[in-house]
Amino acid sequence: MKHRAWLVDLDGTLYRPRPVRLCMAAELLVAGIPALPVVRAFRREHERLRAELDGDVESPYELQLAHVAKRLGRDVGDLRGTLEEWMLERPCKWLRRFARRELLAEIGAFRGAGGRTALVSDYPARVKLAALEATELFDVVVASGEPGGPRRLKPHPDGFLAAARELAVEPAGCLVLGDRRDADGAAAARAGMEFRWVR
């Protein structure tokens, strides 16, 4: 076994992102027009923080929420509810439909052969993992917005390094699987890990 651990991104990696985005866009237009500016602002803020956040923060996800709430003049609790509905809960049915089943089976086979696995995400992950019926595929979950999440977003390597520590595997023994070379791939390189691009 070349790698002792696989560290896997979630969004866009464990499911095909294009059809999920199209289905969610249609759903937003039909039932979520008031949520649309919130979701757009949240995604824009995420990319801004990814590029600009240089130091450790307690939770990048909470910082992102606070910035968007301030920008939109909204209560953080209200904003959180809207985002949980439209970015975590409602997409679940589409994630199941467009799951990358071959990749999930490959991760299961790797784990079954004695490999260690971790899910590393810049967003809360457990609800989506459950929807994908993939919770049991991972020994460790390191997700922003959840306890023990990374203090910086990819391409900073914090999440991958934290996962490797929890798995007790040296970075050189880890393979990162992700859909974004500019985020997952760059973080893997900074962590001293090999990268496999999932397209």
N, C-alpha and C. Protein backbone atom coordinates (compact mmCIF):
# COMPACT_ATOMS: atom_id res chain seq x y z
N MET A 1 0.86 -1.18 0.00
CA MET A 1 0.00 0.00 0.00
C MET A 1 0.90 1.24 0.00
N LYS A 2 0.80 2.04 -1.07
CA LYS A 2 1.69 3.20 -1.21
C LYS A 2 1.44 4.25 -0.14
N HIS A 3 0.17 4.51 0.17
CA HIS A 3 -0.18 5.52 1.17
C HIS A 3 -0.87 4.85 2.35
N ARG A 4 -0.55 5.32 3.53
CA ARG A 4 -1.19 4.77 4.73
C ARG A 4 -2.52 5.44 5.00
N ALA A 5 -2.72 6.66 4.47
CA ALA A 5 -3.97 7.38 4.72
C ALA A 5 -4.42 8.14 3.50
N TRP A 6 -5.74 8.20 3.32
CA TRP A 6 -6.36 9.05 2.31
C TRP A 6 -7.11 10.15 3.03
N LEU A 7 -6.84 11.39 2.66
CA LEU A 7 -7.51 12.55 3.23
C LEU A 7 -8.38 13.14 2.12
N VAL A 8 -9.68 13.15 2.34
CA VAL A 8 -10.63 13.39 1.25
C VAL A 8 -11.44 14.65 1.49
N ASP A 9 -11.52 15.49 0.46
CA ASP A 9 -12.41 16.64 0.46
C ASP A 9 -13.84 16.13 0.25
N LEU A 10 -14.83 16.94 0.63
CA LEU A 10 -16.22 16.53 0.46
C LEU A 10 -16.88 17.18 -0.76
N ASP A 11 -17.10 18.50 -0.67
CA ASP A 11 -17.89 19.19 -1.70
C ASP A 11 -17.20 19.18 -3.05
N GLY A 12 -17.88 18.59 -4.03
CA GLY A 12 -17.33 18.50 -5.38
C GLY A 12 -16.45 17.28 -5.58
N THR A 13 -16.10 16.61 -4.50
CA THR A 13 -15.25 15.43 -4.59
C THR A 13 -16.07 14.15 -4.42
N LEU A 14 -16.90 14.10 -3.40
CA LEU A 14 -17.69 12.89 -3.14
C LEU A 14 -19.00 12.86 -3.93
N TYR A 15 -19.31 13.95 -4.60
CA TYR A 15 -20.47 13.98 -5.48
C TYR A 15 -20.13 14.85 -6.69
N ARG A 16 -20.89 14.68 -7.77
CA ARG A 16 -20.67 15.48 -8.96
C ARG A 16 -21.28 16.86 -8.75
N PRO A 17 -20.47 17.91 -8.75
CA PRO A 17 -20.97 19.22 -8.34
C PRO A 17 -21.89 19.91 -9.33
N ARG A 18 -21.64 19.74 -10.62
CA ARG A 18 -22.43 20.50 -11.60
C ARG A 18 -23.93 20.20 -11.52
N PRO A 19 -24.35 18.92 -11.56
CA PRO A 19 -25.79 18.68 -11.47
C PRO A 19 -26.39 19.10 -10.13
N VAL A 20 -25.61 18.99 -9.05
CA VAL A 20 -26.11 19.43 -7.74
C VAL A 20 -26.34 20.93 -7.76
N ARG A 21 -25.37 21.68 -8.32
CA ARG A 21 -25.52 23.14 -8.39
C ARG A 21 -26.74 23.53 -9.23
N LEU A 22 -26.93 22.85 -10.36
CA LEU A 22 -28.07 23.16 -11.22
C LEU A 22 -29.40 22.88 -10.52
N CYS A 23 -29.49 21.76 -9.83
CA CYS A 23 -30.71 21.42 -9.10
C CYS A 23 -30.98 22.41 -7.97
N MET A 24 -29.93 22.79 -7.26
CA MET A 24 -30.10 23.75 -6.16
C MET A 24 -30.43 25.14 -6.69
N ALA A 25 -29.88 25.52 -7.83
CA ALA A 25 -30.21 26.82 -8.43
C ALA A 25 -31.69 26.85 -8.79
N ALA A 26 -32.20 25.77 -9.37
CA ALA A 26 -33.62 25.70 -9.72
C ALA A 26 -34.48 25.77 -8.46
N GLU A 27 -34.06 25.05 -7.44
CA GLU A 27 -34.82 25.04 -6.19
C GLU A 27 -34.83 26.43 -5.54
N LEU A 28 -33.70 27.10 -5.57
CA LEU A 28 -33.63 28.46 -5.03
C LEU A 28 -34.56 29.40 -5.79
N LEU A 29 -34.60 29.27 -7.11
CA LEU A 29 -35.45 30.15 -7.92
C LEU A 29 -36.94 29.89 -7.67
N VAL A 30 -37.28 28.63 -7.36
CA VAL A 30 -38.68 28.28 -7.14
C VAL A 30 -39.11 28.60 -5.71
N ALA A 31 -38.28 28.24 -4.73
CA ALA A 31 -38.72 28.32 -3.34
C ALA A 31 -37.83 29.15 -2.43
N GLY A 32 -36.73 29.67 -2.96
CA GLY A 32 -35.78 30.31 -2.06
C GLY A 32 -35.27 31.66 -2.48
N ILE A 33 -36.06 32.41 -3.21
CA ILE A 33 -35.60 33.73 -3.68
C ILE A 33 -35.06 34.58 -2.52
N PRO A 34 -35.72 34.64 -1.35
CA PRO A 34 -35.16 35.45 -0.25
C PRO A 34 -33.79 34.96 0.23
N ALA A 35 -33.53 33.67 0.06
CA ALA A 35 -32.25 33.10 0.52
C ALA A 35 -31.13 33.32 -0.48
N LEU A 36 -31.47 33.61 -1.73
CA LEU A 36 -30.46 33.70 -2.79
C LEU A 36 -29.35 34.70 -2.49
N PRO A 37 -29.64 35.94 -2.07
CA PRO A 37 -28.54 36.86 -1.79
C PRO A 37 -27.67 36.41 -0.61
N VAL A 38 -28.27 35.70 0.34
CA VAL A 38 -27.51 35.19 1.49
C VAL A 38 -26.52 34.14 1.03
N VAL A 39 -27.00 33.18 0.24
CA VAL A 39 -26.14 32.10 -0.25
C VAL A 39 -25.01 32.67 -1.12
N ARG A 40 -25.34 33.60 -2.00
CA ARG A 40 -24.31 34.20 -2.86
C ARG A 40 -23.27 34.95 -2.03
N ALA A 41 -23.74 35.75 -1.06
CA ALA A 41 -22.81 36.52 -0.23
C ALA A 41 -21.92 35.59 0.58
N PHE A 42 -22.48 34.49 1.06
CA PHE A 42 -21.71 33.54 1.87
C PHE A 42 -20.62 32.88 1.03
N ARG A 43 -20.96 32.49 -0.19
CA ARG A 43 -19.96 31.87 -1.06
C ARG A 43 -18.86 32.85 -1.44
N ARG A 44 -19.25 34.09 -1.73
CA ARG A 44 -18.24 35.12 -2.06
C ARG A 44 -17.31 35.36 -0.88
N GLU A 45 -17.88 35.42 0.31
CA GLU A 45 -17.06 35.64 1.51
C GLU A 45 -16.13 34.47 1.76
N HIS A 46 -16.59 33.29 1.45
CA HIS A 46 -15.74 32.11 1.61
C HIS A 46 -14.49 32.22 0.73
N GLU A 47 -14.68 32.57 -0.53
CA GLU A 47 -13.55 32.70 -1.44
C GLU A 47 -12.64 33.86 -1.03
N ARG A 48 -13.24 34.93 -0.52
CA ARG A 48 -12.43 36.06 -0.04
C ARG A 48 -11.57 35.63 1.14
N LEU A 49 -12.16 34.93 2.09
CA LEU A 49 -11.39 34.47 3.25
C LEU A 49 -10.34 33.45 2.84
N ARG A 50 -10.67 32.61 1.88
CA ARG A 50 -9.70 31.62 1.40
C ARG A 50 -8.44 32.32 0.89
N ALA A 51 -8.64 33.44 0.20
CA ALA A 51 -7.52 34.16 -0.39
C ALA A 51 -6.81 35.07 0.61
N GLU A 52 -7.55 35.63 1.57
CA GLU A 52 -6.98 36.69 2.41
C GLU A 52 -6.69 36.30 3.85
N LEU A 53 -7.38 35.30 4.40
CA LEU A 53 -7.20 34.95 5.81
C LEU A 53 -5.85 34.29 5.99
N ASP A 54 -4.97 34.95 6.72
CA ASP A 54 -3.60 34.47 6.84
C ASP A 54 -3.30 33.87 8.21
N GLY A 55 -3.92 34.41 9.26
CA GLY A 55 -3.64 33.90 10.60
C GLY A 55 -4.71 32.95 11.08
N ASP A 56 -4.42 32.27 12.19
CA ASP A 56 -5.39 31.36 12.79
C ASP A 56 -6.57 32.14 13.36
N VAL A 57 -7.77 31.58 13.20
CA VAL A 57 -8.96 32.09 13.88
C VAL A 57 -9.63 30.89 14.55
N GLU A 58 -10.47 31.17 15.52
CA GLU A 58 -11.14 30.07 16.23
C GLU A 58 -11.94 29.20 15.26
N SER A 59 -12.69 29.86 14.36
CA SER A 59 -13.47 29.12 13.37
C SER A 59 -13.66 29.98 12.12
N PRO A 60 -13.05 29.62 11.01
CA PRO A 60 -13.27 30.38 9.78
C PRO A 60 -14.75 30.43 9.39
N TYR A 61 -15.48 29.37 9.67
CA TYR A 61 -16.90 29.32 9.33
C TYR A 61 -17.68 30.38 10.11
N GLU A 62 -17.39 30.49 11.41
CA GLU A 62 -18.08 31.48 12.24
C GLU A 62 -17.69 32.90 11.82
N LEU A 63 -16.43 33.09 11.46
CA LEU A 63 -15.98 34.40 10.98
C LEU A 63 -16.71 34.76 9.69
N GLN A 64 -16.84 33.80 8.80
CA GLN A 64 -17.55 34.00 7.55
C GLN A 64 -19.00 34.39 7.83
N LEU A 65 -19.66 33.70 8.75
CA LEU A 65 -21.04 34.03 9.13
C LEU A 65 -21.13 35.46 9.65
N ALA A 66 -20.21 35.81 10.53
CA ALA A 66 -20.23 37.15 11.14
C ALA A 66 -20.04 38.23 10.08
N HIS A 67 -19.11 38.04 9.15
CA HIS A 67 -18.87 39.03 8.10
C HIS A 67 -20.09 39.21 7.20
N VAL A 68 -20.72 38.09 6.82
CA VAL A 68 -21.88 38.17 5.94
C VAL A 68 -23.07 38.80 6.66
N ALA A 69 -23.27 38.44 7.92
CA ALA A 69 -24.36 39.03 8.70
C ALA A 69 -24.20 40.54 8.79
N LYS A 70 -22.98 40.99 9.04
CA LYS A 70 -22.71 42.43 9.13
C LYS A 70 -22.95 43.11 7.78
N ARG A 71 -22.43 42.50 6.72
CA ARG A 71 -22.56 43.08 5.39
C ARG A 71 -24.03 43.20 4.97
N LEU A 72 -24.86 42.20 5.33
CA LEU A 72 -26.26 42.20 4.92
C LEU A 72 -27.18 42.83 5.97
N GLY A 73 -26.61 43.21 7.11
CA GLY A 73 -27.44 43.79 8.17
C GLY A 73 -28.41 42.78 8.75
N ARG A 74 -27.97 41.53 8.89
CA ARG A 74 -28.83 40.45 9.38
C ARG A 74 -28.32 39.92 10.70
N ASP A 75 -29.20 39.31 11.46
CA ASP A 75 -28.84 38.64 12.70
C ASP A 75 -28.09 37.34 12.37
N VAL A 76 -27.01 37.06 13.10
CA VAL A 76 -26.21 35.87 12.81
C VAL A 76 -27.04 34.60 12.95
N GLY A 77 -27.88 34.52 13.98
CA GLY A 77 -28.69 33.32 14.18
C GLY A 77 -29.66 33.09 13.03
N ASP A 78 -30.29 34.15 12.55
CA ASP A 78 -31.21 34.05 11.42
C ASP A 78 -30.47 33.62 10.17
N LEU A 79 -29.31 34.23 9.97
CA LEU A 79 -28.48 33.89 8.81
C LEU A 79 -28.04 32.43 8.86
N ARG A 80 -27.66 31.98 10.05
CA ARG A 80 -27.22 30.59 10.21
C ARG A 80 -28.35 29.63 9.80
N GLY A 81 -29.56 29.94 10.24
CA GLY A 81 -30.69 29.08 9.89
C GLY A 81 -30.92 29.01 8.39
N THR A 82 -30.84 30.15 7.73
CA THR A 82 -31.01 30.19 6.27
C THR A 82 -29.93 29.36 5.57
N LEU A 83 -28.69 29.53 6.01
CA LEU A 83 -27.59 28.81 5.36
C LEU A 83 -27.64 27.32 5.65
N GLU A 84 -28.01 26.94 6.86
CA GLU A 84 -28.12 25.51 7.17
C GLU A 84 -29.20 24.86 6.30
N GLU A 85 -30.30 25.59 6.10
CA GLU A 85 -31.36 25.04 5.26
C GLU A 85 -30.91 24.88 3.81
N TRP A 86 -30.31 25.95 3.25
CA TRP A 86 -30.04 25.97 1.81
C TRP A 86 -28.68 25.42 1.42
N MET A 87 -27.73 25.35 2.35
CA MET A 87 -26.40 24.83 1.98
C MET A 87 -26.09 23.47 2.61
N LEU A 88 -26.84 23.09 3.65
CA LEU A 88 -26.58 21.80 4.29
C LEU A 88 -27.75 20.83 4.13
N GLU A 89 -28.96 21.27 4.46
CA GLU A 89 -30.09 20.34 4.51
C GLU A 89 -30.71 20.07 3.13
N ARG A 90 -31.12 21.12 2.44
CA ARG A 90 -31.80 20.92 1.15
C ARG A 90 -30.94 20.23 0.10
N PRO A 91 -29.64 20.48 0.04
CA PRO A 91 -28.84 19.77 -0.98
C PRO A 91 -28.74 18.27 -0.77
N CYS A 92 -29.07 17.77 0.43
CA CYS A 92 -28.80 16.35 0.74
C CYS A 92 -29.45 15.39 -0.25
N LYS A 93 -30.68 15.66 -0.66
CA LYS A 93 -31.35 14.74 -1.59
C LYS A 93 -30.61 14.68 -2.92
N TRP A 94 -30.01 15.82 -3.34
CA TRP A 94 -29.27 15.86 -4.60
C TRP A 94 -27.91 15.20 -4.44
N LEU A 95 -27.30 15.32 -3.27
CA LEU A 95 -26.01 14.66 -3.04
C LEU A 95 -26.16 13.15 -3.19
N ARG A 96 -27.23 12.62 -2.62
CA ARG A 96 -27.47 11.17 -2.74
C ARG A 96 -27.61 10.77 -4.20
N ARG A 97 -28.35 11.57 -4.95
CA ARG A 97 -28.61 11.23 -6.36
C ARG A 97 -27.34 11.30 -7.20
N PHE A 98 -26.46 12.27 -6.90
CA PHE A 98 -25.28 12.49 -7.74
C PHE A 98 -23.97 12.12 -7.04
N ALA A 99 -24.05 11.20 -6.10
CA ALA A 99 -22.86 10.72 -5.40
C ALA A 99 -21.91 10.04 -6.38
N ARG A 100 -20.62 10.19 -6.13
CA ARG A 100 -19.61 9.46 -6.93
C ARG A 100 -19.47 8.07 -6.30
N ARG A 101 -20.34 7.19 -6.69
CA ARG A 101 -20.42 5.87 -6.05
C ARG A 101 -19.13 5.05 -6.22
N GLU A 102 -18.50 5.17 -7.39
CA GLU A 102 -17.25 4.42 -7.60
C GLU A 102 -16.16 4.90 -6.65
N LEU A 103 -16.07 6.21 -6.46
CA LEU A 103 -15.06 6.75 -5.54
C LEU A 103 -15.37 6.34 -4.11
N LEU A 104 -16.63 6.40 -3.71
CA LEU A 104 -17.01 5.97 -2.36
C LEU A 104 -16.66 4.50 -2.14
N ALA A 105 -16.90 3.68 -3.16
CA ALA A 105 -16.55 2.26 -3.06
C ALA A 105 -15.04 2.08 -2.97
N GLU A 106 -14.30 2.90 -3.71
CA GLU A 106 -12.83 2.83 -3.68
C GLU A 106 -12.30 3.21 -2.29
N ILE A 107 -12.89 4.24 -1.69
CA ILE A 107 -12.50 4.65 -0.33
C ILE A 107 -12.81 3.52 0.65
N GLY A 108 -13.98 2.90 0.49
CA GLY A 108 -14.35 1.78 1.35
C GLY A 108 -13.38 0.61 1.22
N ALA A 109 -12.96 0.32 -0.01
CA ALA A 109 -12.01 -0.78 -0.24
C ALA A 109 -10.65 -0.46 0.38
N PHE A 110 -10.21 0.79 0.23
CA PHE A 110 -8.94 1.20 0.82
C PHE A 110 -8.98 1.03 2.34
N ARG A 111 -10.07 1.48 2.93
CA ARG A 111 -10.22 1.36 4.40
C ARG A 111 -10.31 -0.11 4.81
N GLY A 112 -11.03 -0.90 4.00
CA GLY A 112 -11.16 -2.32 4.30
C GLY A 112 -9.83 -3.06 4.23
N ALA A 113 -8.90 -2.53 3.43
CA ALA A 113 -7.57 -3.14 3.31
C ALA A 113 -6.61 -2.64 4.39
N GLY A 114 -7.11 -1.84 5.32
CA GLY A 114 -6.27 -1.38 6.43
C GLY A 114 -5.83 0.06 6.32
N GLY A 115 -6.23 0.76 5.26
CA GLY A 115 -5.88 2.17 5.13
C GLY A 115 -6.67 3.03 6.11
N ARG A 116 -6.11 4.16 6.48
CA ARG A 116 -6.79 5.11 7.35
C ARG A 116 -7.41 6.20 6.48
N THR A 117 -8.54 6.76 6.92
CA THR A 117 -9.24 7.75 6.11
C THR A 117 -9.70 8.92 6.96
N ALA A 118 -9.67 10.10 6.35
CA ALA A 118 -10.18 11.31 7.00
C ALA A 118 -10.92 12.14 5.96
N LEU A 119 -11.96 12.80 6.42
CA LEU A 119 -12.70 13.76 5.60
C LEU A 119 -12.25 15.14 6.06
N VAL A 120 -11.81 15.99 5.13
CA VAL A 120 -11.33 17.34 5.47
C VAL A 120 -12.11 18.34 4.63
N SER A 121 -12.88 19.21 5.31
CA SER A 121 -13.77 20.13 4.59
C SER A 121 -13.70 21.54 5.16
N ASP A 122 -13.87 22.52 4.29
CA ASP A 122 -13.96 23.92 4.71
C ASP A 122 -15.37 24.32 5.12
N TYR A 123 -16.30 23.37 5.09
CA TYR A 123 -17.69 23.60 5.51
C TYR A 123 -18.10 22.49 6.47
N PRO A 124 -19.18 22.68 7.24
CA PRO A 124 -19.69 21.57 8.06
C PRO A 124 -19.96 20.37 7.17
N ALA A 125 -19.63 19.18 7.67
CA ALA A 125 -19.62 18.01 6.80
C ALA A 125 -20.53 16.86 7.24
N ARG A 126 -20.82 16.74 8.51
CA ARG A 126 -21.47 15.51 9.00
C ARG A 126 -22.86 15.29 8.42
N VAL A 127 -23.64 16.35 8.22
CA VAL A 127 -24.98 16.20 7.64
C VAL A 127 -24.88 15.67 6.21
N LYS A 128 -23.94 16.20 5.44
CA LYS A 128 -23.77 15.76 4.06
C LYS A 128 -23.20 14.34 4.01
N LEU A 129 -22.29 14.02 4.90
CA LEU A 129 -21.76 12.65 4.94
C LEU A 129 -22.87 11.65 5.21
N ALA A 130 -23.75 12.00 6.14
CA ALA A 130 -24.87 11.11 6.44
C ALA A 130 -25.77 10.95 5.21
N ALA A 131 -26.02 12.05 4.50
CA ALA A 131 -26.85 11.98 3.30
C ALA A 131 -26.22 11.08 2.23
N LEU A 132 -24.91 11.10 2.15
CA LEU A 132 -24.19 10.26 1.19
C LEU A 132 -24.03 8.82 1.68
N GLU A 133 -24.50 8.55 2.92
CA GLU A 133 -24.33 7.26 3.56
C GLU A 133 -22.85 6.87 3.59
N ALA A 134 -22.03 7.86 3.92
CA ALA A 134 -20.57 7.68 3.89
C ALA A 134 -19.91 7.93 5.24
N THR A 135 -20.69 8.12 6.28
CA THR A 135 -20.12 8.43 7.60
C THR A 135 -19.13 7.36 8.05
N GLU A 136 -19.49 6.12 7.82
CA GLU A 136 -18.65 5.01 8.30
C GLU A 136 -17.37 4.82 7.49
N LEU A 137 -17.23 5.56 6.38
CA LEU A 137 -16.03 5.43 5.56
C LEU A 137 -14.83 6.18 6.14
N PHE A 138 -15.08 7.03 7.14
CA PHE A 138 -14.01 7.91 7.61
C PHE A 138 -13.73 7.72 9.10
N ASP A 139 -12.44 7.56 9.39
CA ASP A 139 -12.00 7.43 10.78
C ASP A 139 -12.07 8.77 11.50
N VAL A 140 -11.83 9.84 10.76
CA VAL A 140 -11.72 11.19 11.33
C VAL A 140 -12.45 12.17 10.40
N VAL A 141 -13.11 13.16 11.01
CA VAL A 141 -13.70 14.27 10.24
C VAL A 141 -13.14 15.57 10.79
N VAL A 142 -12.50 16.36 9.91
CA VAL A 142 -11.99 17.68 10.27
C VAL A 142 -12.72 18.67 9.37
N ALA A 143 -13.68 19.40 9.95
CA ALA A 143 -14.54 20.26 9.14
C ALA A 143 -14.74 21.61 9.79
N SER A 144 -14.58 22.66 9.01
CA SER A 144 -14.82 24.02 9.50
C SER A 144 -16.29 24.13 9.90
N GLY A 145 -16.53 24.81 11.03
CA GLY A 145 -17.89 24.93 11.54
C GLY A 145 -18.29 23.81 12.46
N GLU A 146 -17.38 22.85 12.68
CA GLU A 146 -17.64 21.75 13.60
C GLU A 146 -16.51 21.69 14.63
N PRO A 147 -16.76 21.10 15.80
CA PRO A 147 -15.71 21.02 16.82
C PRO A 147 -14.42 20.40 16.26
N GLY A 148 -13.29 21.02 16.59
CA GLY A 148 -12.00 20.52 16.13
C GLY A 148 -11.69 20.86 14.68
N GLY A 149 -12.48 21.76 14.09
CA GLY A 149 -12.27 22.13 12.70
C GLY A 149 -10.99 22.92 12.50
N PRO A 150 -10.56 23.06 11.25
CA PRO A 150 -9.31 23.79 10.97
C PRO A 150 -9.46 25.28 11.30
N ARG A 151 -8.36 25.93 11.61
CA ARG A 151 -8.37 27.35 11.94
C ARG A 151 -8.11 28.23 10.73
N ARG A 152 -7.79 27.62 9.60
CA ARG A 152 -7.63 28.35 8.34
C ARG A 152 -8.21 27.51 7.21
N LEU A 153 -8.60 28.17 6.14
CA LEU A 153 -9.19 27.48 5.00
C LEU A 153 -8.10 27.03 4.02
N LYS A 154 -8.41 26.02 3.23
CA LYS A 154 -7.53 25.64 2.14
C LYS A 154 -7.37 26.86 1.23
N PRO A 155 -6.21 27.12 0.69
CA PRO A 155 -5.07 26.23 0.50
C PRO A 155 -4.10 26.12 1.67
N HIS A 156 -4.44 26.71 2.83
CA HIS A 156 -3.60 26.45 4.01
C HIS A 156 -3.73 24.97 4.35
N PRO A 157 -2.67 24.34 4.77
CA PRO A 157 -2.69 22.89 4.98
C PRO A 157 -3.22 22.45 6.34
N ASP A 158 -3.69 23.39 7.17
CA ASP A 158 -4.05 23.08 8.55
C ASP A 158 -4.97 21.88 8.69
N GLY A 159 -6.05 21.84 7.90
CA GLY A 159 -7.01 20.75 8.01
C GLY A 159 -6.39 19.40 7.70
N PHE A 160 -5.59 19.34 6.64
CA PHE A 160 -4.95 18.08 6.27
C PHE A 160 -3.91 17.65 7.30
N LEU A 161 -3.16 18.62 7.82
CA LEU A 161 -2.16 18.28 8.84
C LEU A 161 -2.83 17.81 10.13
N ALA A 162 -3.94 18.45 10.50
CA ALA A 162 -4.68 18.02 11.69
C ALA A 162 -5.21 16.60 11.51
N ALA A 163 -5.72 16.30 10.32
CA ALA A 163 -6.23 14.96 10.06
C ALA A 163 -5.11 13.92 10.14
N ALA A 164 -3.95 14.24 9.57
CA ALA A 164 -2.82 13.32 9.62
C ALA A 164 -2.40 13.06 11.07
N ARG A 165 -2.37 14.12 11.88
CA ARG A 165 -2.02 13.94 13.30
C ARG A 165 -3.03 13.03 13.99
N GLU A 166 -4.31 13.26 13.75
CA GLU A 166 -5.34 12.43 14.40
C GLU A 166 -5.25 10.97 13.96
N LEU A 167 -4.84 10.75 12.73
CA LEU A 167 -4.69 9.39 12.22
C LEU A 167 -3.35 8.77 12.59
N ALA A 168 -2.45 9.59 13.17
CA ALA A 168 -1.09 9.16 13.51
C ALA A 168 -0.34 8.66 12.28
N VAL A 169 -0.46 9.43 11.18
CA VAL A 169 0.24 9.11 9.93
C VAL A 169 1.06 10.33 9.53
N GLU A 170 2.32 10.12 9.16
CA GLU A 170 3.17 11.22 8.71
C GLU A 170 2.62 11.80 7.42
N PRO A 171 2.79 13.12 7.19
CA PRO A 171 2.28 13.73 5.96
C PRO A 171 2.70 13.01 4.68
N ALA A 172 3.94 12.54 4.63
CA ALA A 172 4.42 11.86 3.42
C ALA A 172 3.67 10.57 3.14
N GLY A 173 3.00 10.03 4.14
CA GLY A 173 2.23 8.81 3.97
C GLY A 173 0.77 9.05 3.61
N CYS A 174 0.43 10.31 3.33
CA CYS A 174 -0.97 10.67 3.06
C CYS A 174 -1.18 11.02 1.59
N LEU A 175 -2.33 10.63 1.07
CA LEU A 175 -2.78 11.03 -0.25
C LEU A 175 -4.03 11.89 -0.07
N VAL A 176 -4.02 13.09 -0.66
CA VAL A 176 -5.18 13.97 -0.62
C VAL A 176 -5.99 13.78 -1.90
N LEU A 177 -7.30 13.60 -1.76
CA LEU A 177 -8.21 13.50 -2.89
C LEU A 177 -9.12 14.72 -2.87
N GLY A 178 -9.13 15.50 -3.96
CA GLY A 178 -9.95 16.70 -3.99
C GLY A 178 -10.24 17.14 -5.41
N ASP A 179 -11.25 18.01 -5.53
CA ASP A 179 -11.68 18.46 -6.85
C ASP A 179 -11.08 19.80 -7.26
N ARG A 180 -10.40 20.48 -6.33
CA ARG A 180 -9.84 21.81 -6.66
C ARG A 180 -8.33 21.80 -6.48
N ARG A 181 -7.64 21.97 -7.59
CA ARG A 181 -6.18 22.04 -7.52
C ARG A 181 -5.72 23.28 -6.77
N ASP A 182 -6.47 24.39 -6.90
CA ASP A 182 -6.07 25.64 -6.26
C ASP A 182 -6.31 25.63 -4.75
N ALA A 183 -7.12 24.72 -4.26
CA ALA A 183 -7.42 24.64 -2.83
C ALA A 183 -6.86 23.33 -2.26
N ASP A 184 -7.46 22.20 -2.62
CA ASP A 184 -7.02 20.90 -2.11
C ASP A 184 -5.59 20.58 -2.55
N GLY A 185 -5.32 20.79 -3.85
CA GLY A 185 -3.99 20.47 -4.37
C GLY A 185 -2.91 21.33 -3.77
N ALA A 186 -3.18 22.64 -3.65
CA ALA A 186 -2.19 23.55 -3.07
C ALA A 186 -1.97 23.24 -1.59
N ALA A 187 -3.06 22.93 -0.87
CA ALA A 187 -2.93 22.58 0.55
C ALA A 187 -2.12 21.30 0.72
N ALA A 188 -2.37 20.32 -0.15
CA ALA A 188 -1.62 19.07 -0.09
C ALA A 188 -0.12 19.32 -0.31
N ALA A 189 0.21 20.14 -1.30
CA ALA A 189 1.62 20.45 -1.58
C ALA A 189 2.27 21.11 -0.37
N ARG A 190 1.57 22.06 0.23
CA ARG A 190 2.12 22.75 1.41
C ARG A 190 2.29 21.81 2.59
N ALA A 191 1.45 20.77 2.65
CA ALA A 191 1.53 19.82 3.76
C ALA A 191 2.55 18.72 3.49
N GLY A 192 3.12 18.68 2.28
CA GLY A 192 4.06 17.62 1.94
C GLY A 192 3.36 16.31 1.63
N MET A 193 2.15 16.40 1.05
CA MET A 193 1.34 15.22 0.73
C MET A 193 1.13 15.12 -0.78
N GLU A 194 0.94 13.92 -1.26
CA GLU A 194 0.62 13.71 -2.67
C GLU A 194 -0.84 14.07 -2.90
N PHE A 195 -1.16 14.49 -4.13
CA PHE A 195 -2.52 14.92 -4.45
C PHE A 195 -3.07 14.14 -5.63
N ARG A 196 -4.32 13.76 -5.53
CA ARG A 196 -5.04 13.12 -6.64
C ARG A 196 -6.24 14.00 -6.97
N TRP A 197 -6.27 14.48 -8.18
CA TRP A 197 -7.34 15.36 -8.63
C TRP A 197 -8.55 14.54 -9.04
N VAL A 198 -9.69 14.83 -8.42
CA VAL A 198 -10.95 14.15 -8.74
C VAL A 198 -11.74 15.07 -9.66
N ARG A 199 -11.98 14.63 -10.89
CA ARG A 199 -12.68 15.46 -11.88
C ARG A 199 -14.09 14.96 -12.11
